[in-house]
């Protein structure tokens, strides 16, 4: 890995809100923004909206805790019957003008979005999502399903309150 590549990666890890144009000017050599994105993607970093903790009221926390407690004895077979959604927002075109941060993917929807081609119509988007879903690696899905057991336990420990996955 070249010095410029390491510098780009280090900038994204130290300051996840750094923009490609800032990285480009700090590197000190002429580099295309797409090259910066490719280097970050090779390091498994993707531009995402910044994570904000959910504002949990005491009622929300109680309901969340009850939900986890009711499922605390579920096994992997039980969880394989559940479909999770992060209510993703897909942009038709190239830019949605939102602040972004660099982070590593964490769940199935992140895995799908890593491979999502640019779509210019709802029909193209539907076909792309269906194709990517059909070709997801089963070991990735299994690992993510297995992680729910730990997530439920962490939620119970947090009393239904905010938690880090």
N, C-alpha and C. Protein backbone atom coordinates (compact mmCIF):
# COMPACT_ATOMS: atom_id res chain seq x y z
N UNK A 1 0.85 -1.18 0.00
CA UNK A 1 0.00 0.00 0.00
C UNK A 1 0.89 1.24 0.00
N UNK A 2 0.59 2.16 -0.89
CA UNK A 2 1.37 3.39 -1.00
C UNK A 2 1.10 4.33 0.17
N UNK A 3 2.00 5.26 0.38
CA UNK A 3 1.87 6.22 1.47
C UNK A 3 0.57 7.02 1.34
N UNK A 4 0.22 7.43 0.12
CA UNK A 4 -1.00 8.21 -0.10
C UNK A 4 -2.24 7.39 0.29
N UNK A 5 -2.21 6.11 -0.06
CA UNK A 5 -3.34 5.23 0.27
C UNK A 5 -3.50 5.09 1.77
N UNK A 6 -2.38 4.91 2.46
CA UNK A 6 -2.43 4.80 3.92
C UNK A 6 -2.92 6.09 4.55
N UNK A 7 -2.51 7.22 4.00
CA UNK A 7 -2.93 8.52 4.53
C UNK A 7 -4.45 8.72 4.38
N UNK A 8 -4.98 8.33 3.22
CA UNK A 8 -6.42 8.42 2.98
C UNK A 8 -7.18 7.58 4.00
N UNK A 9 -6.73 6.34 4.17
CA UNK A 9 -7.39 5.42 5.11
C UNK A 9 -7.30 5.97 6.54
N UNK A 10 -6.13 6.45 6.93
CA UNK A 10 -5.95 6.98 8.28
C UNK A 10 -6.86 8.18 8.53
N UNK A 11 -6.98 9.06 7.53
CA UNK A 11 -7.85 10.23 7.67
C UNK A 11 -9.30 9.80 7.92
N UNK A 12 -9.77 8.82 7.16
CA UNK A 12 -11.16 8.36 7.30
C UNK A 12 -11.40 7.70 8.65
N UNK A 13 -10.40 6.99 9.17
CA UNK A 13 -10.55 6.32 10.46
C UNK A 13 -10.45 7.31 11.63
N UNK A 14 -9.58 8.31 11.51
CA UNK A 14 -9.40 9.29 12.58
C UNK A 14 -10.57 10.28 12.61
N UNK A 15 -11.01 10.72 11.44
CA UNK A 15 -12.13 11.66 11.35
C UNK A 15 -13.16 11.12 10.36
N UNK A 16 -14.14 10.35 10.82
CA UNK A 16 -15.10 9.74 9.90
C UNK A 16 -15.92 10.74 9.08
N UNK A 17 -15.92 12.03 9.47
CA UNK A 17 -16.71 13.01 8.72
C UNK A 17 -15.88 13.71 7.64
N UNK A 18 -14.62 13.34 7.48
CA UNK A 18 -13.78 13.99 6.48
C UNK A 18 -14.33 13.71 5.08
N UNK A 19 -14.31 14.73 4.24
CA UNK A 19 -14.85 14.58 2.88
C UNK A 19 -13.76 14.13 1.92
N UNK A 20 -14.19 13.63 0.77
CA UNK A 20 -13.21 13.22 -0.24
C UNK A 20 -12.39 14.42 -0.72
N UNK A 21 -13.00 15.59 -0.84
CA UNK A 21 -12.26 16.75 -1.31
C UNK A 21 -11.20 17.17 -0.30
N UNK A 22 -11.50 17.05 1.00
CA UNK A 22 -10.49 17.35 2.02
C UNK A 22 -9.36 16.34 1.95
N UNK A 23 -9.71 15.06 1.82
CA UNK A 23 -8.67 14.02 1.69
C UNK A 23 -7.80 14.31 0.47
N UNK A 24 -8.45 14.67 -0.61
CA UNK A 24 -7.75 14.93 -1.87
C UNK A 24 -6.72 16.05 -1.71
N UNK A 25 -7.11 17.14 -1.03
CA UNK A 25 -6.18 18.25 -0.85
C UNK A 25 -5.08 17.92 0.16
N UNK A 26 -5.38 17.08 1.15
CA UNK A 26 -4.40 16.74 2.19
C UNK A 26 -3.36 15.72 1.72
N UNK A 27 -3.70 14.93 0.72
CA UNK A 27 -2.78 13.87 0.26
C UNK A 27 -1.53 14.46 -0.37
N UNK A 28 -1.69 15.58 -1.07
CA UNK A 28 -0.51 16.22 -1.63
C UNK A 28 -0.18 15.79 -3.05
N UNK A 29 -0.94 14.88 -3.62
CA UNK A 29 -0.75 14.49 -5.02
C UNK A 29 -2.11 14.53 -5.70
N UNK A 30 -2.10 14.67 -7.02
CA UNK A 30 -3.36 14.70 -7.78
C UNK A 30 -4.00 13.32 -7.70
N UNK A 31 -5.23 13.26 -7.21
CA UNK A 31 -5.94 11.98 -7.10
C UNK A 31 -7.42 12.22 -7.36
N UNK A 32 -8.01 11.32 -8.10
CA UNK A 32 -9.41 11.42 -8.48
C UNK A 32 -10.31 11.03 -7.29
N UNK A 33 -11.43 11.73 -7.08
CA UNK A 33 -12.33 11.37 -5.97
C UNK A 33 -12.79 9.91 -6.01
N UNK A 34 -13.01 9.38 -7.22
CA UNK A 34 -13.42 7.97 -7.33
C UNK A 34 -12.31 7.03 -6.86
N UNK A 35 -11.06 7.44 -7.06
CA UNK A 35 -9.93 6.64 -6.58
C UNK A 35 -9.93 6.60 -5.05
N UNK A 36 -10.23 7.74 -4.43
CA UNK A 36 -10.33 7.79 -2.97
C UNK A 36 -11.42 6.85 -2.49
N UNK A 37 -12.59 6.91 -3.13
CA UNK A 37 -13.70 6.02 -2.76
C UNK A 37 -13.31 4.56 -2.93
N UNK A 38 -12.61 4.25 -4.02
CA UNK A 38 -12.19 2.86 -4.26
C UNK A 38 -11.23 2.39 -3.17
N UNK A 39 -10.26 3.23 -2.79
CA UNK A 39 -9.32 2.84 -1.72
C UNK A 39 -10.06 2.60 -0.41
N UNK A 40 -11.02 3.46 -0.10
CA UNK A 40 -11.78 3.28 1.14
C UNK A 40 -12.66 2.03 1.06
N UNK A 41 -13.24 1.76 -0.09
CA UNK A 41 -14.06 0.55 -0.26
C UNK A 41 -13.20 -0.70 -0.12
N UNK A 42 -11.97 -0.66 -0.63
CA UNK A 42 -11.06 -1.80 -0.49
C UNK A 42 -10.73 -2.05 0.98
N UNK A 43 -10.77 -1.00 1.79
CA UNK A 43 -10.53 -1.13 3.24
C UNK A 43 -11.84 -1.40 3.98
N UNK A 44 -12.91 -1.69 3.23
CA UNK A 44 -14.23 -2.01 3.78
C UNK A 44 -14.87 -0.82 4.49
N UNK A 45 -14.60 0.39 3.99
CA UNK A 45 -15.23 1.60 4.52
C UNK A 45 -16.17 2.14 3.46
N UNK A 46 -17.36 2.52 3.89
CA UNK A 46 -18.40 2.99 2.98
C UNK A 46 -18.97 4.29 3.52
N UNK A 47 -19.34 5.20 2.64
CA UNK A 47 -19.93 6.47 3.04
C UNK A 47 -21.37 6.23 3.52
N UNK A 48 -21.66 6.62 4.74
CA UNK A 48 -22.97 6.40 5.35
C UNK A 48 -23.45 7.66 6.03
N UNK A 49 -24.75 7.73 6.26
CA UNK A 49 -25.29 8.80 7.10
C UNK A 49 -24.78 8.57 8.51
N UNK A 50 -24.48 9.64 9.27
CA UNK A 50 -23.99 9.46 10.64
C UNK A 50 -25.05 8.79 11.52
N UNK A 51 -24.59 7.91 12.39
CA UNK A 51 -25.49 7.22 13.30
C UNK A 51 -25.88 8.17 14.43
N UNK A 52 -27.15 8.20 14.70
CA UNK A 52 -27.64 8.97 15.84
C UNK A 52 -28.45 8.02 16.69
N UNK A 53 -28.22 8.06 17.97
CA UNK A 53 -28.95 7.18 18.88
C UNK A 53 -30.43 7.54 18.85
N UNK A 54 -31.26 6.53 18.93
CA UNK A 54 -32.69 6.75 18.95
C UNK A 54 -33.08 7.46 20.25
N UNK A 55 -33.95 8.46 20.15
CA UNK A 55 -34.42 9.10 21.38
C UNK A 55 -35.44 8.17 22.05
N UNK A 56 -35.01 7.49 23.08
CA UNK A 56 -35.87 6.50 23.74
C UNK A 56 -36.54 7.12 24.97
N UNK A 57 -37.84 7.17 24.95
CA UNK A 57 -38.58 7.60 26.13
C UNK A 57 -38.62 6.42 27.11
N UNK A 58 -38.97 6.64 28.35
CA UNK A 58 -39.10 5.52 29.29
C UNK A 58 -40.07 4.44 28.76
N UNK A 59 -41.14 4.86 28.10
CA UNK A 59 -42.08 3.88 27.52
C UNK A 59 -41.41 3.06 26.42
N UNK A 60 -40.64 3.73 25.55
CA UNK A 60 -39.92 3.02 24.49
C UNK A 60 -38.96 1.99 25.10
N UNK A 61 -38.22 2.42 26.12
CA UNK A 61 -37.25 1.52 26.75
C UNK A 61 -37.95 0.30 27.34
N UNK A 62 -39.09 0.53 27.98
CA UNK A 62 -39.83 -0.57 28.60
C UNK A 62 -40.34 -1.54 27.53
N UNK A 63 -40.89 -1.02 26.45
CA UNK A 63 -41.38 -1.87 25.37
C UNK A 63 -40.25 -2.64 24.70
N UNK A 64 -39.12 -1.98 24.51
CA UNK A 64 -37.95 -2.63 23.92
C UNK A 64 -37.44 -3.75 24.81
N UNK A 65 -37.38 -3.48 26.11
CA UNK A 65 -36.94 -4.48 27.06
C UNK A 65 -37.89 -5.68 27.05
N UNK A 66 -39.20 -5.42 27.06
CA UNK A 66 -40.18 -6.50 27.03
C UNK A 66 -40.04 -7.34 25.75
N UNK A 67 -39.81 -6.67 24.62
CA UNK A 67 -39.65 -7.38 23.35
C UNK A 67 -38.45 -8.33 23.42
N UNK A 68 -37.35 -7.82 23.95
CA UNK A 68 -36.13 -8.66 24.06
C UNK A 68 -36.32 -9.80 25.06
N UNK A 69 -36.93 -9.49 26.19
CA UNK A 69 -37.15 -10.54 27.19
C UNK A 69 -38.04 -11.65 26.63
N UNK A 70 -39.06 -11.29 25.84
CA UNK A 70 -39.95 -12.30 25.26
C UNK A 70 -39.22 -13.19 24.27
N UNK A 71 -38.10 -12.73 23.73
CA UNK A 71 -37.35 -13.49 22.73
C UNK A 71 -35.99 -13.95 23.24
N UNK A 72 -35.73 -13.77 24.50
CA UNK A 72 -34.41 -14.09 25.04
C UNK A 72 -34.09 -15.58 25.00
N UNK A 73 -35.09 -16.42 24.93
CA UNK A 73 -34.84 -17.87 24.88
C UNK A 73 -34.91 -18.43 23.46
N UNK A 74 -35.10 -17.57 22.47
CA UNK A 74 -35.13 -18.02 21.09
C UNK A 74 -33.76 -18.55 20.69
N UNK A 75 -33.76 -19.52 19.78
CA UNK A 75 -32.50 -20.04 19.25
C UNK A 75 -32.34 -19.57 17.80
N UNK A 76 -31.25 -20.00 17.18
CA UNK A 76 -30.96 -19.57 15.81
C UNK A 76 -32.09 -19.98 14.86
N UNK A 77 -32.67 -21.13 15.05
CA UNK A 77 -33.76 -21.59 14.19
C UNK A 77 -34.95 -20.63 14.27
N UNK A 78 -35.26 -20.15 15.48
CA UNK A 78 -36.35 -19.18 15.62
C UNK A 78 -36.03 -17.89 14.86
N UNK A 79 -34.80 -17.40 15.00
CA UNK A 79 -34.42 -16.13 14.38
C UNK A 79 -34.33 -16.23 12.87
N UNK A 80 -34.10 -17.42 12.33
CA UNK A 80 -34.03 -17.56 10.88
C UNK A 80 -35.38 -17.32 10.21
N UNK A 81 -36.44 -17.30 10.99
CA UNK A 81 -37.78 -17.09 10.44
C UNK A 81 -38.17 -15.60 10.45
N UNK A 82 -37.25 -14.73 10.87
CA UNK A 82 -37.54 -13.29 11.01
C UNK A 82 -36.82 -12.52 9.91
N UNK A 83 -37.50 -11.56 9.31
CA UNK A 83 -36.89 -10.67 8.33
C UNK A 83 -36.73 -9.31 8.99
N UNK A 84 -35.50 -8.79 8.98
CA UNK A 84 -35.20 -7.49 9.57
C UNK A 84 -35.03 -6.46 8.47
N UNK A 85 -35.41 -5.24 8.74
CA UNK A 85 -35.23 -4.14 7.79
C UNK A 85 -34.68 -2.95 8.55
N UNK A 86 -33.73 -2.25 7.92
CA UNK A 86 -33.25 -1.01 8.54
C UNK A 86 -33.95 0.19 7.91
N UNK A 87 -35.05 -0.07 7.19
CA UNK A 87 -35.81 0.97 6.51
C UNK A 87 -34.87 1.86 5.69
N UNK A 88 -34.07 1.20 4.87
CA UNK A 88 -33.08 1.89 4.06
C UNK A 88 -33.70 2.87 3.10
N UNK A 89 -32.93 3.87 2.81
CA UNK A 89 -33.32 4.89 1.85
C UNK A 89 -32.38 4.73 0.67
N UNK A 90 -32.93 4.51 -0.51
CA UNK A 90 -32.12 4.38 -1.70
C UNK A 90 -32.31 5.63 -2.55
N UNK A 91 -31.23 6.13 -3.13
CA UNK A 91 -31.27 7.34 -3.93
C UNK A 91 -31.19 6.95 -5.40
N UNK A 92 -32.15 7.42 -6.18
CA UNK A 92 -32.07 7.23 -7.62
C UNK A 92 -31.22 8.36 -8.17
N UNK A 93 -30.09 8.03 -8.76
CA UNK A 93 -29.16 9.05 -9.24
C UNK A 93 -27.84 8.94 -8.50
N UNK A 94 -27.16 10.07 -8.31
CA UNK A 94 -25.81 10.01 -7.77
C UNK A 94 -25.60 10.63 -6.40
N UNK A 95 -26.32 11.70 -6.05
CA UNK A 95 -26.01 12.41 -4.81
C UNK A 95 -27.29 12.84 -4.10
N UNK A 96 -27.34 12.62 -2.78
CA UNK A 96 -28.51 13.04 -2.02
C UNK A 96 -28.22 14.25 -1.13
N UNK A 97 -26.99 14.81 -1.22
CA UNK A 97 -26.59 16.03 -0.50
C UNK A 97 -26.71 15.91 1.01
N UNK A 98 -26.48 14.74 1.58
CA UNK A 98 -26.49 14.58 3.03
C UNK A 98 -25.07 14.45 3.56
N UNK A 99 -24.87 14.82 4.82
CA UNK A 99 -23.58 14.63 5.48
C UNK A 99 -23.32 13.14 5.57
N UNK A 100 -22.09 12.74 5.37
CA UNK A 100 -21.73 11.32 5.38
C UNK A 100 -20.60 11.07 6.37
N UNK A 101 -20.48 9.85 6.82
CA UNK A 101 -19.36 9.40 7.63
C UNK A 101 -18.84 8.11 7.01
N UNK A 102 -17.59 7.76 7.29
CA UNK A 102 -17.00 6.52 6.80
C UNK A 102 -17.09 5.48 7.90
N UNK A 103 -17.68 4.32 7.60
CA UNK A 103 -17.77 3.25 8.59
C UNK A 103 -17.83 1.90 7.88
N UNK A 104 -17.59 0.87 8.67
CA UNK A 104 -17.63 -0.49 8.12
C UNK A 104 -19.05 -1.03 8.18
N UNK A 105 -19.42 -1.90 7.23
CA UNK A 105 -20.78 -2.45 7.23
C UNK A 105 -21.03 -3.34 8.43
N UNK A 106 -22.30 -3.37 8.89
CA UNK A 106 -22.63 -4.10 10.12
C UNK A 106 -23.73 -5.13 9.95
N UNK A 107 -24.58 -5.02 8.96
CA UNK A 107 -25.69 -5.94 8.87
C UNK A 107 -26.03 -6.26 7.42
N UNK A 108 -27.04 -7.10 7.19
CA UNK A 108 -27.38 -7.57 5.85
C UNK A 108 -27.62 -6.42 4.89
N UNK A 109 -28.35 -5.39 5.34
CA UNK A 109 -28.64 -4.28 4.43
C UNK A 109 -27.36 -3.57 4.04
N UNK A 110 -26.39 -3.46 4.96
CA UNK A 110 -25.10 -2.88 4.59
C UNK A 110 -24.41 -3.75 3.55
N UNK A 111 -24.50 -5.07 3.72
CA UNK A 111 -23.90 -5.98 2.74
C UNK A 111 -24.52 -5.77 1.36
N UNK A 112 -25.83 -5.61 1.31
CA UNK A 112 -26.51 -5.38 0.03
C UNK A 112 -26.09 -4.04 -0.58
N UNK A 113 -26.04 -3.01 0.26
CA UNK A 113 -25.72 -1.68 -0.25
C UNK A 113 -24.29 -1.60 -0.79
N UNK A 114 -23.38 -2.42 -0.24
CA UNK A 114 -22.01 -2.44 -0.74
C UNK A 114 -21.98 -2.82 -2.22
N UNK A 115 -22.90 -3.66 -2.63
CA UNK A 115 -22.90 -4.18 -3.99
C UNK A 115 -23.97 -3.52 -4.87
N UNK A 116 -24.72 -2.58 -4.32
CA UNK A 116 -25.85 -1.98 -5.04
C UNK A 116 -25.36 -1.14 -6.22
N UNK A 117 -25.80 -1.47 -7.43
CA UNK A 117 -25.44 -0.64 -8.58
C UNK A 117 -26.25 0.66 -8.57
N UNK A 118 -25.82 1.62 -9.35
CA UNK A 118 -26.56 2.86 -9.49
C UNK A 118 -27.84 2.57 -10.27
N UNK A 119 -28.97 3.00 -9.73
CA UNK A 119 -30.27 2.75 -10.37
C UNK A 119 -30.92 4.08 -10.71
N UNK A 120 -31.60 4.12 -11.84
CA UNK A 120 -32.22 5.36 -12.28
C UNK A 120 -33.74 5.26 -12.36
N UNK A 121 -34.28 4.14 -11.93
CA UNK A 121 -35.74 4.00 -11.89
C UNK A 121 -36.09 3.04 -10.75
N UNK A 122 -37.31 3.12 -10.31
CA UNK A 122 -37.77 2.23 -9.24
C UNK A 122 -37.72 0.78 -9.73
N UNK A 123 -38.05 0.55 -10.99
CA UNK A 123 -38.02 -0.82 -11.54
C UNK A 123 -36.59 -1.38 -11.50
N UNK A 124 -35.60 -0.57 -11.92
CA UNK A 124 -34.20 -1.01 -11.85
C UNK A 124 -33.80 -1.32 -10.41
N UNK A 125 -34.23 -0.48 -9.48
CA UNK A 125 -33.92 -0.69 -8.07
C UNK A 125 -34.51 -2.00 -7.57
N UNK A 126 -35.78 -2.26 -7.89
CA UNK A 126 -36.43 -3.52 -7.47
C UNK A 126 -35.67 -4.73 -7.99
N UNK A 127 -35.31 -4.70 -9.28
CA UNK A 127 -34.58 -5.82 -9.88
C UNK A 127 -33.21 -6.01 -9.23
N UNK A 128 -32.52 -4.90 -8.97
CA UNK A 128 -31.19 -4.97 -8.36
C UNK A 128 -31.26 -5.56 -6.96
N UNK A 129 -32.21 -5.10 -6.14
CA UNK A 129 -32.35 -5.62 -4.77
C UNK A 129 -32.68 -7.11 -4.79
N UNK A 130 -33.61 -7.51 -5.67
CA UNK A 130 -33.98 -8.93 -5.76
C UNK A 130 -32.79 -9.79 -6.16
N UNK A 131 -32.01 -9.32 -7.13
CA UNK A 131 -30.85 -10.08 -7.58
C UNK A 131 -29.79 -10.19 -6.49
N UNK A 132 -29.49 -9.07 -5.82
CA UNK A 132 -28.49 -9.09 -4.76
C UNK A 132 -28.94 -9.98 -3.60
N UNK A 133 -30.23 -9.90 -3.24
CA UNK A 133 -30.74 -10.72 -2.14
C UNK A 133 -30.59 -12.21 -2.47
N UNK A 134 -30.89 -12.57 -3.70
CA UNK A 134 -30.81 -13.97 -4.12
C UNK A 134 -29.38 -14.50 -4.09
N UNK A 135 -28.40 -13.60 -4.20
CA UNK A 135 -27.01 -14.04 -4.26
C UNK A 135 -26.20 -13.73 -3.01
N UNK A 136 -26.87 -13.32 -1.94
CA UNK A 136 -26.15 -13.09 -0.67
C UNK A 136 -25.52 -14.40 -0.20
N UNK A 137 -24.32 -14.30 0.29
CA UNK A 137 -23.65 -15.50 0.79
C UNK A 137 -24.33 -15.97 2.08
N UNK A 138 -24.64 -17.24 2.13
CA UNK A 138 -25.35 -17.79 3.28
C UNK A 138 -24.55 -17.68 4.57
N UNK A 139 -23.22 -17.76 4.48
CA UNK A 139 -22.42 -17.64 5.71
C UNK A 139 -22.51 -16.24 6.31
N UNK A 140 -22.64 -15.20 5.45
CA UNK A 140 -22.81 -13.84 5.97
C UNK A 140 -24.16 -13.71 6.68
N UNK A 141 -25.18 -14.25 6.06
CA UNK A 141 -26.52 -14.19 6.66
C UNK A 141 -26.52 -14.95 7.97
N UNK A 142 -25.93 -16.15 7.99
CA UNK A 142 -25.90 -16.96 9.20
C UNK A 142 -25.17 -16.24 10.32
N UNK A 143 -24.04 -15.59 10.00
CA UNK A 143 -23.28 -14.85 11.02
C UNK A 143 -24.12 -13.72 11.60
N UNK A 144 -24.85 -13.03 10.74
CA UNK A 144 -25.69 -11.93 11.21
C UNK A 144 -26.88 -12.43 12.02
N UNK A 145 -27.46 -13.56 11.62
CA UNK A 145 -28.56 -14.15 12.39
C UNK A 145 -28.04 -14.56 13.77
N UNK A 146 -26.86 -15.18 13.79
CA UNK A 146 -26.29 -15.61 15.07
C UNK A 146 -26.01 -14.43 16.00
N UNK A 147 -25.72 -13.25 15.43
CA UNK A 147 -25.39 -12.10 16.27
C UNK A 147 -26.60 -11.56 17.03
N UNK A 148 -27.81 -11.88 16.58
CA UNK A 148 -29.01 -11.35 17.25
C UNK A 148 -29.11 -11.86 18.68
N UNK A 149 -28.62 -13.07 18.92
CA UNK A 149 -28.66 -13.61 20.28
C UNK A 149 -27.90 -12.70 21.25
N UNK A 150 -26.72 -12.25 20.82
CA UNK A 150 -25.92 -11.34 21.65
C UNK A 150 -26.59 -9.97 21.77
N UNK A 151 -27.20 -9.50 20.68
CA UNK A 151 -27.83 -8.19 20.70
C UNK A 151 -29.02 -8.14 21.66
N UNK A 152 -29.79 -9.21 21.70
CA UNK A 152 -30.92 -9.28 22.63
C UNK A 152 -30.40 -9.25 24.07
N UNK A 153 -29.32 -9.99 24.34
CA UNK A 153 -28.75 -10.01 25.69
C UNK A 153 -28.24 -8.61 26.09
N UNK A 154 -27.58 -7.91 25.16
CA UNK A 154 -27.07 -6.56 25.45
C UNK A 154 -28.23 -5.60 25.71
N UNK A 155 -29.32 -5.74 24.96
CA UNK A 155 -30.49 -4.89 25.16
C UNK A 155 -31.08 -5.11 26.56
N UNK A 156 -31.15 -6.36 26.96
CA UNK A 156 -31.68 -6.67 28.30
C UNK A 156 -30.77 -6.09 29.37
N UNK A 157 -29.45 -6.23 29.19
CA UNK A 157 -28.49 -5.65 30.15
C UNK A 157 -28.63 -4.13 30.23
N UNK A 158 -28.96 -3.50 29.10
CA UNK A 158 -29.11 -2.04 29.07
C UNK A 158 -30.49 -1.61 29.55
N UNK A 159 -31.31 -2.56 29.98
CA UNK A 159 -32.64 -2.23 30.46
C UNK A 159 -33.54 -1.65 29.38
N UNK A 160 -33.25 -2.04 28.11
CA UNK A 160 -34.03 -1.53 26.99
C UNK A 160 -33.55 -0.17 26.51
N UNK A 161 -32.54 0.37 27.17
CA UNK A 161 -32.02 1.69 26.81
C UNK A 161 -31.02 1.65 25.66
N UNK A 162 -30.39 2.78 25.37
CA UNK A 162 -29.42 2.85 24.28
C UNK A 162 -28.28 1.88 24.49
N UNK A 163 -27.79 1.33 23.38
CA UNK A 163 -26.69 0.36 23.45
C UNK A 163 -25.87 0.42 22.19
N UNK A 164 -24.63 -0.03 22.26
CA UNK A 164 -23.75 -0.13 21.08
C UNK A 164 -23.75 -1.57 20.65
N UNK A 165 -23.89 -1.84 19.38
CA UNK A 165 -23.82 -3.21 18.87
C UNK A 165 -22.39 -3.59 18.71
